């Protein structure tokens, strides 16, 4: 492991004026996220003013004489609060996973599904839907097969060349293609009236069926994975220098790679299990965070986490308010994310670093 002098040298970029600027950016993003969360809870077919939303939330901690109806309280606490929390968790998880993978593979076009986790999770959910299992079982199946896909990718990659990240990426592409093909087979075999629409809409992503019971396991997994990734942030920073440089600085490259992949995979699988396949978040948001906080993983990770939560919450608000019929979240993130990514490329006009 690195000693104190090396740690201090690597962390120096986060101190001084740059560190103060990062803290201001992060504080501004957190304030914006909190305001947007309150406004989001008032958006819907039944509009609820922000002050009433805050009062309902505060009433769960401090006794307040109700100035709202029981129906409004049920809408906020039973429907919209779980959805808002899920949107923020999913956004934070996908953005952090994307930042970790881009840093590890030193590639600006890497996203959280690079090792097949999304395709594997989609296959598991499709099988569960075909078997007519319940919502919680569908989530569990998606989570388990997402992890299994990445584990298979890692095992095959290690068998071919345990030191090559290129081989790992190539195996991930193959594994993802295989599970996508299996999903296509299941869609062909599915009942076109009852089963196929459920599979299709699940794969398109969405938060419209989130309930309070869906959150505890996914939230615990995502928060624990984010905690692990944050704890490893400066080692991950060293990994971005390359494998040889990391070894020379005392990093156990194989162990660190496994831990980073594990954390990113766990949070991605948990996010996909509750929201379906939501693309572009893990690709676009890390670039935005890098623009705001710089290329240092240690500095940009907290910004990426908050920016991801903010981005998905914004997109989810648009998905449920843009028309009378709610749009699938995965489609909206793609429609917004693709031109946004091109705009970021046009703005920077420089190589990723």
Protein backbone atom coordinates (compact mmCIF):
# COMPACT_ATOMS: atom_id res chain seq x y z
CA UNK A 1 0.00 0.00 0.00
CA UNK A 2 1.08 3.60 -0.41
CA UNK A 3 2.66 5.36 2.51
CA UNK A 4 1.74 8.76 3.90
CA UNK A 5 4.10 10.81 1.70
CA UNK A 6 2.74 9.28 -1.48
CA UNK A 7 -0.85 9.65 -0.26
CA UNK A 8 -0.30 13.29 0.59
CA UNK A 9 1.31 13.96 -2.76
CA UNK A 10 -1.53 12.36 -4.68
CA UNK A 11 -4.18 14.14 -2.58
CA UNK A 12 -2.51 17.53 -2.89
CA UNK A 13 -4.62 18.35 -5.93
CA UNK A 14 -7.72 18.38 -3.71
CA UNK A 15 -6.31 20.99 -1.28
CA UNK A 16 -5.99 24.76 -1.32
CA UNK A 17 -7.99 26.90 -3.72
CA UNK A 18 -8.98 23.94 -5.90
CA UNK A 19 -10.30 22.09 -2.86
CA UNK A 20 -12.38 25.09 -1.77
CA UNK A 21 -13.79 25.43 -5.28
CA UNK A 22 -14.70 21.73 -5.31
CA UNK A 23 -16.49 22.08 -1.99
CA UNK A 24 -18.44 25.07 -3.26
CA UNK A 25 -19.44 23.20 -6.42
CA UNK A 26 -20.49 20.17 -4.40
CA UNK A 27 -22.47 22.30 -1.92
CA UNK A 28 -24.26 24.07 -4.79
CA UNK A 29 -25.14 20.76 -6.42
CA UNK A 30 -26.43 19.34 -3.12
CA UNK A 31 -28.60 22.42 -2.55
CA UNK A 32 -29.94 22.19 -6.10
CA UNK A 33 -30.65 18.48 -5.62
CA UNK A 34 -32.55 19.09 -2.37
CA UNK A 35 -34.66 21.84 -3.97
CA UNK A 36 -35.39 19.71 -7.02
CA UNK A 37 -36.38 16.75 -4.84
CA UNK A 38 -38.95 18.88 -3.00
CA UNK A 39 -40.31 20.32 -6.25
CA UNK A 40 -40.44 16.83 -7.80
CA UNK A 41 -42.66 15.54 -5.01
CA UNK A 42 -45.22 18.15 -5.93
CA UNK A 43 -45.27 17.27 -9.63
CA UNK A 44 -47.98 14.96 -10.90
CA UNK A 45 -51.64 14.74 -11.68
CA UNK A 46 -52.27 16.06 -8.17
CA UNK A 47 -50.08 19.17 -7.78
CA UNK A 48 -48.89 19.82 -4.22
CA UNK A 49 -47.16 23.10 -3.30
CA UNK A 50 -43.53 22.87 -2.09
CA UNK A 51 -44.33 24.29 1.37
CA UNK A 52 -46.94 21.58 1.90
CA UNK A 53 -44.50 18.92 0.70
CA UNK A 54 -41.92 20.13 3.23
CA UNK A 55 -44.55 20.20 5.98
CA UNK A 56 -45.59 16.62 5.25
CA UNK A 57 -41.97 15.45 5.32
CA UNK A 58 -41.17 17.36 8.52
CA UNK A 59 -44.29 15.94 10.18
CA UNK A 60 -42.64 12.52 10.15
CA UNK A 61 -40.01 13.89 12.55
CA UNK A 62 -41.68 16.79 14.38
CA UNK A 63 -45.40 16.79 15.31
CA UNK A 64 -47.25 19.37 13.19
CA UNK A 65 -50.93 20.23 13.03
CA UNK A 66 -51.94 18.93 9.56
CA UNK A 67 -52.81 21.51 6.92
CA UNK A 68 -53.03 18.84 4.23
CA UNK A 69 -55.42 16.04 3.40
CA UNK A 70 -54.74 12.36 4.11
CA UNK A 71 -54.74 11.76 0.35
CA UNK A 72 -51.91 14.26 -0.14
CA UNK A 73 -49.88 12.64 2.64
CA UNK A 74 -50.39 9.23 1.05
CA UNK A 75 -49.31 10.54 -2.36
CA UNK A 76 -46.13 12.11 -0.97
CA UNK A 77 -45.02 9.38 1.43
CA UNK A 78 -46.38 6.31 -0.31
CA UNK A 79 -45.88 7.13 -4.00
CA UNK A 80 -43.62 10.07 -4.77
CA UNK A 81 -41.04 9.87 -1.98
CA UNK A 82 -40.01 6.28 -2.86
CA UNK A 83 -39.81 7.24 -6.53
CA UNK A 84 -37.70 10.35 -5.86
CA UNK A 85 -35.34 8.37 -3.61
CA UNK A 86 -35.07 5.62 -6.23
CA UNK A 87 -34.29 8.15 -8.98
CA UNK A 88 -31.50 9.72 -6.92
CA UNK A 89 -30.05 6.35 -5.93
CA UNK A 90 -30.10 5.05 -9.51
CA UNK A 91 -28.50 8.22 -10.85
CA UNK A 92 -25.80 8.26 -8.17
CA UNK A 93 -25.02 4.57 -8.70
CA UNK A 94 -24.79 4.69 -12.49
CA UNK A 95 -22.73 7.89 -12.49
CA UNK A 96 -20.28 6.60 -9.88
CA UNK A 97 -19.96 3.23 -11.64
CA UNK A 98 -19.34 4.97 -14.97
CA UNK A 99 -16.69 7.21 -13.40
CA UNK A 100 -14.99 4.20 -11.83
CA UNK A 101 -14.92 2.21 -15.07
CA UNK A 102 -13.71 5.17 -17.14
CA UNK A 103 -10.95 5.73 -14.61
CA UNK A 104 -10.00 2.04 -14.39
CA UNK A 105 -10.01 1.36 -18.14
CA UNK A 106 -8.66 4.85 -18.95
CA UNK A 107 -11.28 5.15 -21.66
CA UNK A 108 -13.81 8.01 -22.05
CA UNK A 109 -16.49 5.90 -23.76
CA UNK A 110 -16.76 3.19 -21.11
CA UNK A 111 -20.12 2.91 -19.34
CA UNK A 112 -21.40 0.77 -16.42
CA UNK A 113 -22.70 -1.97 -18.73
CA UNK A 114 -19.28 -2.56 -20.32
CA UNK A 115 -18.91 -5.95 -18.60
CA UNK A 116 -22.41 -7.17 -19.39
CA UNK A 117 -24.18 -6.37 -16.14
CA UNK A 118 -27.18 -4.66 -17.78
CA UNK A 119 -27.68 -7.39 -20.37
CA UNK A 120 -27.34 -10.07 -17.71
CA UNK A 121 -29.83 -8.31 -15.45
CA UNK A 122 -32.25 -7.90 -18.36
CA UNK A 123 -32.04 -11.62 -19.08
CA UNK A 124 -32.73 -12.54 -15.45
CA UNK A 125 -35.70 -10.19 -15.26
CA UNK A 126 -37.07 -11.53 -18.56
CA UNK A 127 -36.87 -15.12 -17.29
CA UNK A 128 -38.68 -14.13 -14.08
CA UNK A 129 -41.41 -12.39 -16.08
CA UNK A 130 -41.77 -15.44 -18.32
CA UNK A 131 -42.28 -17.58 -15.20
CA UNK A 132 -44.92 -15.12 -13.93
CA UNK A 133 -43.04 -14.38 -10.71
CA UNK A 134 -43.63 -11.41 -8.43
CA UNK A 135 -42.01 -7.98 -8.62
CA UNK A 136 -39.53 -8.64 -5.80
CA UNK A 137 -38.46 -11.92 -7.42
CA UNK A 138 -37.98 -10.12 -10.74
CA UNK A 139 -35.70 -7.61 -9.01
CA UNK A 140 -33.77 -10.38 -7.27
CA UNK A 141 -33.36 -12.30 -10.53
CA UNK A 142 -32.14 -9.19 -12.33
CA UNK A 143 -29.63 -8.44 -9.57
CA UNK A 144 -28.33 -12.03 -9.41
CA UNK A 145 -27.92 -12.52 -13.17
CA UNK A 146 -26.30 -9.09 -13.51
CA UNK A 147 -23.67 -10.13 -10.98
CA UNK A 148 -23.34 -13.55 -12.63
CA UNK A 149 -22.67 -11.95 -16.03
CA UNK A 150 -19.82 -9.84 -14.65
CA UNK A 151 -18.43 -12.77 -12.66
CA UNK A 152 -18.41 -14.88 -15.83
CA UNK A 153 -16.74 -12.04 -17.73
CA UNK A 154 -14.09 -11.69 -15.03
CA UNK A 155 -13.39 -15.43 -14.85
CA UNK A 156 -13.02 -15.80 -18.62
CA UNK A 157 -10.88 -12.67 -18.80
CA UNK A 158 -8.61 -13.98 -16.06
CA UNK A 159 -8.29 -17.33 -17.83
CA UNK A 160 -7.25 -15.67 -21.10
CA UNK A 161 -4.96 -12.96 -19.74
CA UNK A 162 -5.30 -11.89 -16.12
CA UNK A 163 -3.34 -8.67 -16.61
CA UNK A 164 -5.05 -7.30 -19.75
CA UNK A 165 -7.86 -4.77 -19.42
CA UNK A 166 -8.43 -4.94 -23.18
CA UNK A 167 -9.20 -8.65 -22.93
CA UNK A 168 -11.61 -7.97 -20.07
CA UNK A 169 -13.47 -5.38 -22.15
CA UNK A 170 -13.62 -7.70 -25.18
CA UNK A 171 -14.99 -10.54 -23.06
CA UNK A 172 -17.55 -8.10 -21.63
CA UNK A 173 -18.71 -7.23 -25.14
CA UNK A 174 -19.13 -10.92 -25.93
CA UNK A 175 -21.00 -11.67 -22.70
CA UNK A 176 -23.33 -8.69 -23.25
CA UNK A 177 -24.03 -9.77 -26.83
CA UNK A 178 -24.80 -13.31 -25.66
CA UNK A 179 -27.31 -12.18 -23.03
CA UNK A 180 -28.89 -9.71 -25.48
CA UNK A 181 -29.37 -12.61 -27.88
CA UNK A 182 -30.95 -14.70 -25.11
CA UNK A 183 -33.30 -11.81 -24.31
CA UNK A 184 -34.32 -11.73 -27.97
CA UNK A 185 -35.05 -15.46 -27.85
CA UNK A 186 -37.23 -15.00 -24.77
CA UNK A 187 -39.12 -12.14 -26.44
CA UNK A 188 -39.85 -14.37 -29.43
CA UNK A 189 -41.12 -17.16 -27.15
CA UNK A 190 -43.12 -14.86 -24.87
CA UNK A 191 -46.88 -14.50 -25.03
CA UNK A 192 -47.35 -11.39 -27.21
CA UNK A 193 -50.45 -10.31 -25.30
CA UNK A 194 -49.53 -10.68 -21.62
CA UNK A 195 -45.81 -11.31 -21.23
CA UNK A 196 -44.02 -9.55 -24.09
CA UNK A 197 -45.23 -6.03 -23.18
CA UNK A 198 -44.03 -6.49 -19.58
CA UNK A 199 -40.57 -7.61 -20.72
CA UNK A 200 -40.34 -4.80 -23.27
CA UNK A 201 -41.32 -2.04 -20.86
CA UNK A 202 -39.05 -3.40 -18.12
CA UNK A 203 -36.10 -3.34 -20.49
CA UNK A 204 -36.91 0.26 -21.48
CA UNK A 205 -36.46 1.35 -17.88
CA UNK A 206 -38.77 3.23 -15.56
CA UNK A 207 -39.59 4.09 -11.96
CA UNK A 208 -43.38 4.15 -12.22
CA UNK A 209 -43.85 0.93 -10.22
CA UNK A 210 -41.49 1.72 -7.36
CA UNK A 211 -42.91 1.04 -3.88
CA UNK A 212 -41.38 1.52 -0.41
CA UNK A 213 -40.70 -2.23 -0.24
CA UNK A 214 -38.47 -2.04 -3.32
CA UNK A 215 -35.93 0.33 -1.79
CA UNK A 216 -34.28 -1.11 1.35
CA UNK A 217 -32.12 -3.84 -0.24
CA UNK A 218 -31.24 -1.80 -3.33
CA UNK A 219 -30.48 1.30 -1.25
CA UNK A 220 -28.28 -0.65 1.17
CA UNK A 221 -26.36 -2.23 -1.72
CA UNK A 222 -25.88 1.05 -3.57
CA UNK A 223 -24.86 3.02 -0.47
CA UNK A 224 -22.42 0.32 0.66
CA UNK A 225 -20.88 0.17 -2.82
CA UNK A 226 -20.61 3.96 -2.98
CA UNK A 227 -18.92 3.89 0.43
CA UNK A 228 -16.41 1.30 -0.77
CA UNK A 229 -15.70 3.26 -3.94
CA UNK A 230 -15.22 6.46 -1.94
CA UNK A 231 -12.88 4.70 0.47
CA UNK A 232 -10.77 3.55 -2.49
CA UNK A 233 -10.86 6.89 -4.29
CA UNK A 234 -7.16 7.77 -4.00
CA UNK A 235 -6.02 4.23 -4.90
CA UNK A 236 -8.31 4.46 -7.93
CA UNK A 237 -6.62 7.74 -8.75
CA UNK A 238 -3.27 5.95 -8.82
CA UNK A 239 -4.73 3.19 -11.01
CA UNK A 240 -5.52 5.81 -13.64
CA UNK A 241 -1.76 6.29 -14.12
CA UNK A 242 -1.47 2.78 -15.55
CA UNK A 243 -0.76 -0.67 -14.16
CA UNK A 244 3.04 -0.39 -14.06
CA UNK A 245 3.01 3.00 -12.35
CA UNK A 246 0.46 1.74 -9.82
CA UNK A 247 2.59 -1.31 -9.02
CA UNK A 248 5.66 0.88 -8.58
CA UNK A 249 3.73 2.97 -6.06
CA UNK A 250 2.83 -0.12 -4.04
CA UNK A 251 -0.71 -0.82 -5.27
CA UNK A 252 -1.83 -4.44 -5.53
CA UNK A 253 -3.23 -3.97 -9.04
CA UNK A 254 -5.15 -7.25 -9.24
CA UNK A 255 -6.82 -6.81 -5.86
CA UNK A 256 -7.63 -3.14 -6.49
CA UNK A 257 -9.09 -3.91 -9.92
CA UNK A 258 -11.29 -6.61 -8.39
CA UNK A 259 -12.54 -4.28 -5.64
CA UNK A 260 -13.31 -1.45 -8.08
CA UNK A 261 -15.15 -3.78 -10.47
CA UNK A 262 -17.03 -5.34 -7.54
CA UNK A 263 -18.21 -1.98 -6.19
CA UNK A 264 -19.22 -0.69 -9.64
CA UNK A 265 -20.96 -3.96 -10.52
CA UNK A 266 -22.92 -4.20 -7.28
CA UNK A 267 -24.30 -0.68 -7.56
CA UNK A 268 -25.08 -1.05 -11.27
CA UNK A 269 -26.88 -4.37 -10.74
CA UNK A 270 -28.90 -2.87 -7.88
CA UNK A 271 -29.82 0.16 -10.00
CA UNK A 272 -30.87 -1.98 -12.97
CA UNK A 273 -32.88 -4.31 -10.73
CA UNK A 274 -35.17 -1.47 -9.59
CA UNK A 275 -35.20 0.78 -12.67
CA UNK A 276 -34.55 -1.48 -15.64
CA UNK A 277 -31.93 -0.55 -18.23
CA UNK A 278 -31.23 3.19 -18.07
CA UNK A 279 -28.54 4.15 -20.53
CA UNK A 280 -26.21 7.13 -21.01
CA UNK A 281 -26.16 8.21 -17.35
CA UNK A 282 -22.91 6.40 -16.61
CA UNK A 283 -21.36 7.71 -19.82
CA UNK A 284 -22.41 11.37 -19.82
CA UNK A 285 -22.43 12.36 -16.15
CA UNK A 286 -18.76 11.47 -15.42
CA UNK A 287 -17.76 13.83 -18.24
CA UNK A 288 -19.83 16.60 -16.69
CA UNK A 289 -18.27 15.90 -13.29
CA UNK A 290 -14.81 15.94 -14.86
CA UNK A 291 -15.52 19.36 -16.34
CA UNK A 292 -16.67 20.66 -12.94
CA UNK A 293 -14.00 19.09 -10.70
CA UNK A 294 -11.11 18.15 -12.96
CA UNK A 295 -9.76 14.73 -14.00
CA UNK A 296 -8.67 13.60 -10.52
CA UNK A 297 -10.92 10.69 -9.52
CA UNK A 298 -10.63 11.64 -5.87
CA UNK A 299 -12.08 15.08 -6.57
CA UNK A 300 -14.62 14.24 -9.25
CA UNK A 301 -16.26 11.18 -7.63
CA UNK A 302 -18.45 13.13 -5.12
CA UNK A 303 -19.43 15.55 -7.89
CA UNK A 304 -20.33 12.63 -10.17
CA UNK A 305 -22.49 11.03 -7.47
CA UNK A 306 -24.54 14.18 -6.84
CA UNK A 307 -24.67 15.11 -10.54
CA UNK A 308 -25.94 11.63 -11.41
CA UNK A 309 -28.73 11.87 -8.84
CA UNK A 310 -29.63 15.32 -10.16
CA UNK A 311 -29.59 14.20 -13.80
CA UNK A 312 -31.84 11.15 -13.35
CA UNK A 313 -34.24 13.10 -11.15
CA UNK A 314 -34.55 15.78 -13.83
CA UNK A 315 -35.05 13.19 -16.57
CA UNK A 316 -37.63 11.29 -14.50
CA UNK A 317 -39.60 14.49 -13.94
CA UNK A 318 -39.64 15.07 -17.69
CA UNK A 319 -40.62 11.43 -18.35
CA UNK A 320 -43.70 11.65 -16.15
CA UNK A 321 -44.74 15.23 -16.97
CA UNK A 322 -44.02 15.54 -20.70
CA UNK A 323 -47.23 13.86 -21.83
CA UNK A 324 -50.39 12.24 -20.55
CA UNK A 325 -48.72 8.83 -20.85
CA UNK A 326 -45.47 8.36 -18.91
CA UNK A 327 -42.43 7.88 -21.14
CA UNK A 328 -39.96 5.06 -20.38
CA UNK A 329 -36.99 6.44 -18.46
CA UNK A 330 -34.41 4.62 -20.61
CA UNK A 331 -35.75 6.21 -23.79
CA UNK A 332 -35.69 9.72 -22.31
CA UNK A 333 -32.13 9.35 -20.99
CA UNK A 334 -31.05 8.26 -24.47
CA UNK A 335 -32.87 11.12 -26.21
CA UNK A 336 -31.33 13.65 -23.82
CA UNK A 337 -28.00 11.93 -23.20
CA UNK A 338 -26.88 11.45 -26.82
CA UNK A 339 -27.03 15.12 -27.91
CA UNK A 340 -25.72 16.20 -24.49
CA UNK A 341 -22.68 13.98 -24.95
CA UNK A 342 -22.07 15.47 -28.41
CA UNK A 343 -22.38 18.96 -26.92
CA UNK A 344 -19.78 18.07 -24.29
CA UNK A 345 -17.42 16.82 -27.00
CA UNK A 346 -17.90 19.99 -29.03
CA UNK A 347 -17.32 22.12 -25.95
CA UNK A 348 -14.10 20.48 -24.80
CA UNK A 349 -12.51 19.69 -28.22
CA UNK A 350 -9.66 18.02 -26.36
CA UNK A 351 -8.59 14.48 -25.57
CA UNK A 352 -9.89 12.89 -22.37
CA UNK A 353 -7.40 12.71 -19.51
